[in-house]
Amino acid sequence: MNSQLYVGSQNPVKVNAALNTLCDTLEQDFNAEAMSVPSGVPNQPMSEDETRHGAINRVEAMLELHDGGEQNAWYVAIEGGVDVFEDGPATFAYVAIYHQGHWSVGRSASLPLPVSVYQALQRGEELGTVMDKLFNTTNVKQKGGAIGLLTHNHASRQSVYEVALTLAMAKFHFPDLYTN
């Protein structure tokens, strides 16, 4: 019997990243259900704090829909965002994983963004839309994303999400090492 995985998005990139990571790291099969749940943050989070809260809020929304969570189910959410760092603007994602009362929250690597792209985001556009205009693509956020475009597809949204999720799974692999 397959285990249950709930993903706080209907974006296939996020669902596939969560499914691939859990199947790989836990060496079992999962039934994945994509859930459209609110992030509680703007569609384009503009800070690390907003982005982190978006991922956590999505998991909490799924838990609320399931009366605190199904016994053996896994809950995963991924929230992409941007911020300005010492070396300039960048995009990244926060991941949140919940299972049987335990949480792990982590962050992906950062992708530097051109200042012109960041300025468009400050004006209220979303990263996927800006990248589609810049590179003449369609719905890139459900494909390789800005990451794929700006790395010549040496990395993709999904590959970066999978690494972040894999690292966040450490708390579930070795729970005794992470308890106070």
Protein backbone atom coordinates (compact mmCIF):
# COMPACT_ATOMS: atom_id res chain seq x y z
CA MET A 1 0.00 0.00 0.00
CA ASN A 2 1.33 3.43 -0.95
CA SER A 3 1.81 6.18 1.60
CA GLN A 4 -0.07 9.47 1.22
CA LEU A 5 1.58 12.74 0.23
CA TYR A 6 -0.23 16.07 0.16
CA VAL A 7 1.40 18.95 -1.69
CA GLY A 8 0.24 22.51 -1.08
CA SER A 9 0.14 23.50 -4.75
CA GLN A 10 -1.26 22.35 -8.03
CA ASN A 11 1.89 23.38 -9.89
CA PRO A 12 3.22 20.15 -11.43
CA VAL A 13 6.83 21.21 -10.82
CA LYS A 14 6.23 21.43 -7.08
CA VAL A 15 4.16 18.23 -6.96
CA ASN A 16 6.78 16.27 -8.92
CA ALA A 17 9.63 17.65 -6.79
CA ALA A 18 7.87 16.56 -3.59
CA LEU A 19 6.88 13.17 -4.98
CA ASN A 20 10.33 12.40 -6.43
CA THR A 21 12.10 13.47 -3.25
CA LEU A 22 9.94 11.49 -0.84
CA CYS A 23 9.92 8.38 -3.03
CA ASP A 24 13.71 8.58 -3.34
CA THR A 25 14.67 9.50 0.22
CA LEU A 26 12.17 7.20 1.94
CA GLU A 27 12.48 4.42 -0.65
CA GLN A 28 8.73 3.90 -0.92
CA ASP A 29 5.87 4.78 -3.20
CA PHE A 30 3.40 7.56 -2.56
CA ASN A 31 0.01 8.66 -3.77
CA ALA A 32 0.39 12.40 -4.28
CA GLU A 33 -2.52 14.80 -4.07
CA ALA A 34 -2.06 18.39 -5.19
CA MET A 35 -4.03 20.80 -3.04
CA SER A 36 -4.82 24.40 -3.83
CA VAL A 37 -4.36 26.11 -0.48
CA PRO A 38 -3.67 29.73 0.45
CA SER A 39 -0.15 30.87 1.20
CA GLY A 40 -1.27 33.90 3.17
CA VAL A 41 1.43 35.95 1.45
CA PRO A 42 1.47 37.90 -1.84
CA ASN A 43 1.55 35.89 -5.09
CA GLN A 44 5.13 37.11 -5.46
CA PRO A 45 6.77 37.06 -2.03
CA MET A 46 9.37 39.83 -1.88
CA SER A 47 11.39 38.79 1.20
CA GLU A 48 12.82 35.73 2.87
CA ASP A 49 10.36 36.13 5.72
CA GLU A 50 7.30 36.26 3.43
CA THR A 51 8.56 33.29 1.45
CA ARG A 52 9.22 31.17 4.54
CA HIS A 53 5.80 32.00 5.97
CA GLY A 54 4.15 31.15 2.65
CA ALA A 55 5.51 27.60 2.74
CA ILE A 56 4.55 27.08 6.39
CA ASN A 57 1.11 28.62 5.89
CA ARG A 58 0.40 26.23 3.01
CA VAL A 59 1.20 23.20 5.17
CA GLU A 60 -0.89 24.58 8.02
CA ALA A 61 -3.82 25.12 5.61
CA MET A 62 -3.60 21.50 4.46
CA LEU A 63 -3.46 20.30 8.08
CA GLU A 64 -6.53 22.37 8.89
CA LEU A 65 -8.42 20.75 6.02
CA HIS A 66 -7.43 17.33 7.41
CA ASP A 67 -8.29 18.05 11.06
CA GLY A 68 -4.67 18.28 12.15
CA GLY A 69 -3.27 15.79 9.67
CA GLU A 70 -3.83 12.20 8.67
CA GLN A 71 -1.89 9.74 10.81
CA ASN A 72 0.79 8.58 8.35
CA ALA A 73 0.50 11.25 5.68
CA TRP A 74 3.25 13.62 4.62
CA TYR A 75 2.52 17.30 3.97
CA VAL A 76 4.86 19.34 1.77
CA ALA A 77 4.78 22.92 0.55
CA ILE A 78 7.21 24.94 -1.54
CA GLU A 79 7.10 28.72 -1.80
CA GLY A 80 9.27 30.64 -4.24
CA GLY A 81 10.26 34.20 -3.49
CA VAL A 82 12.80 36.95 -4.02
CA ASP A 83 14.85 39.27 -1.86
CA VAL A 84 17.82 41.60 -2.15
CA PHE A 85 21.04 40.37 -0.58
CA GLU A 86 24.51 41.82 -0.24
CA ASP A 87 25.34 40.68 -3.79
CA GLY A 88 22.04 41.81 -5.32
CA PRO A 89 18.53 40.46 -5.94
CA ALA A 90 17.97 36.71 -6.05
CA THR A 91 15.20 34.15 -6.17
CA PHE A 92 14.99 31.07 -3.95
CA ALA A 93 12.38 28.85 -2.33
CA TYR A 94 11.43 27.76 1.14
CA VAL A 95 10.22 24.22 1.71
CA ALA A 96 8.14 23.00 4.63
CA ILE A 97 7.56 19.34 5.49
CA TYR A 98 5.23 18.02 8.18
CA HIS A 99 4.81 14.39 9.26
CA GLN A 100 3.30 12.99 12.47
CA GLY A 101 3.74 16.14 14.53
CA HIS A 102 7.23 16.94 13.28
CA TRP A 103 8.32 19.84 11.07
CA SER A 104 11.31 20.59 8.90
CA VAL A 105 11.67 23.91 7.11
CA GLY A 106 14.53 24.63 4.73
CA ARG A 107 15.66 26.95 1.99
CA SER A 108 16.99 26.38 -1.49
CA ALA A 109 20.05 27.88 -3.08
CA SER A 110 19.71 31.38 -4.51
CA LEU A 111 19.64 32.29 -8.19
CA PRO A 112 20.92 35.81 -8.89
CA LEU A 113 18.35 37.93 -10.73
CA PRO A 114 19.04 40.75 -13.16
CA VAL A 115 18.17 44.11 -11.59
CA SER A 116 15.68 44.79 -14.40
CA VAL A 117 13.80 41.60 -13.51
CA TYR A 118 13.72 42.51 -9.83
CA GLN A 119 12.44 45.99 -10.68
CA ALA A 120 9.54 44.43 -12.61
CA LEU A 121 8.73 42.34 -9.53
CA GLN A 122 8.75 45.48 -7.39
CA ARG A 123 6.14 46.90 -9.77
CA GLY A 124 3.87 43.95 -8.97
CA GLU A 125 4.63 41.40 -11.68
CA GLU A 126 5.33 37.73 -10.92
CA LEU A 127 8.69 36.17 -11.76
CA GLY A 128 7.27 33.60 -14.20
CA THR A 129 5.45 36.29 -16.17
CA VAL A 130 8.54 38.52 -16.31
CA MET A 131 10.70 35.61 -17.50
CA ASP A 132 8.11 34.60 -20.13
CA LYS A 133 8.26 38.13 -21.55
CA LEU A 134 12.05 38.34 -21.40
CA PHE A 135 12.71 34.94 -23.01
CA ASN A 136 9.57 34.67 -25.17
CA THR A 137 8.38 31.53 -23.35
CA THR A 138 4.97 30.39 -22.16
CA ASN A 139 4.17 29.38 -18.57
CA VAL A 140 7.81 28.80 -17.68
CA LYS A 141 6.89 28.66 -13.97
CA GLN A 142 5.36 25.23 -14.57
CA LYS A 143 8.49 24.13 -16.46
CA GLY A 144 12.14 24.92 -15.78
CA GLY A 145 11.40 28.37 -14.37
CA ALA A 146 13.77 31.30 -14.20
CA ILE A 147 16.35 28.83 -12.94
CA GLY A 148 16.23 26.81 -16.16
CA LEU A 149 16.31 29.89 -18.35
CA LEU A 150 19.19 31.61 -16.55
CA THR A 151 21.33 28.47 -16.21
CA HIS A 152 20.88 27.22 -19.79
CA ASN A 153 18.85 24.37 -18.23
CA HIS A 154 21.78 23.06 -16.19
CA ALA A 155 19.39 23.38 -13.25
CA SER A 156 15.62 23.73 -13.07
CA ARG A 157 13.01 24.78 -10.55
CA GLN A 158 12.33 21.12 -9.90
CA SER A 159 15.98 20.14 -9.41
CA VAL A 160 16.54 23.00 -6.96
CA TYR A 161 13.34 22.15 -5.06
CA GLU A 162 14.38 18.49 -4.87
CA VAL A 163 17.75 19.39 -3.33
CA ALA A 164 16.10 21.67 -0.75
CA LEU A 165 13.55 18.98 0.14
CA THR A 166 16.24 16.29 0.33
CA LEU A 167 18.19 18.40 2.82
CA ALA A 168 15.06 19.14 4.85
CA MET A 169 14.39 15.40 5.13
CA ALA A 170 17.46 14.98 7.38
CA LYS A 171 15.30 15.72 10.44
CA PHE A 172 13.05 12.79 9.53
CA HIS A 173 15.92 10.39 8.82
CA PHE A 174 17.59 11.08 12.17
CA PRO A 175 14.89 12.44 14.50
CA ASP A 176 16.86 11.59 17.68
CA LEU A 177 19.66 13.90 16.57
CA TYR A 178 17.25 16.83 16.14
CA THR A 179 15.34 16.63 19.41
CA ASN A 180 16.17 19.04 22.22
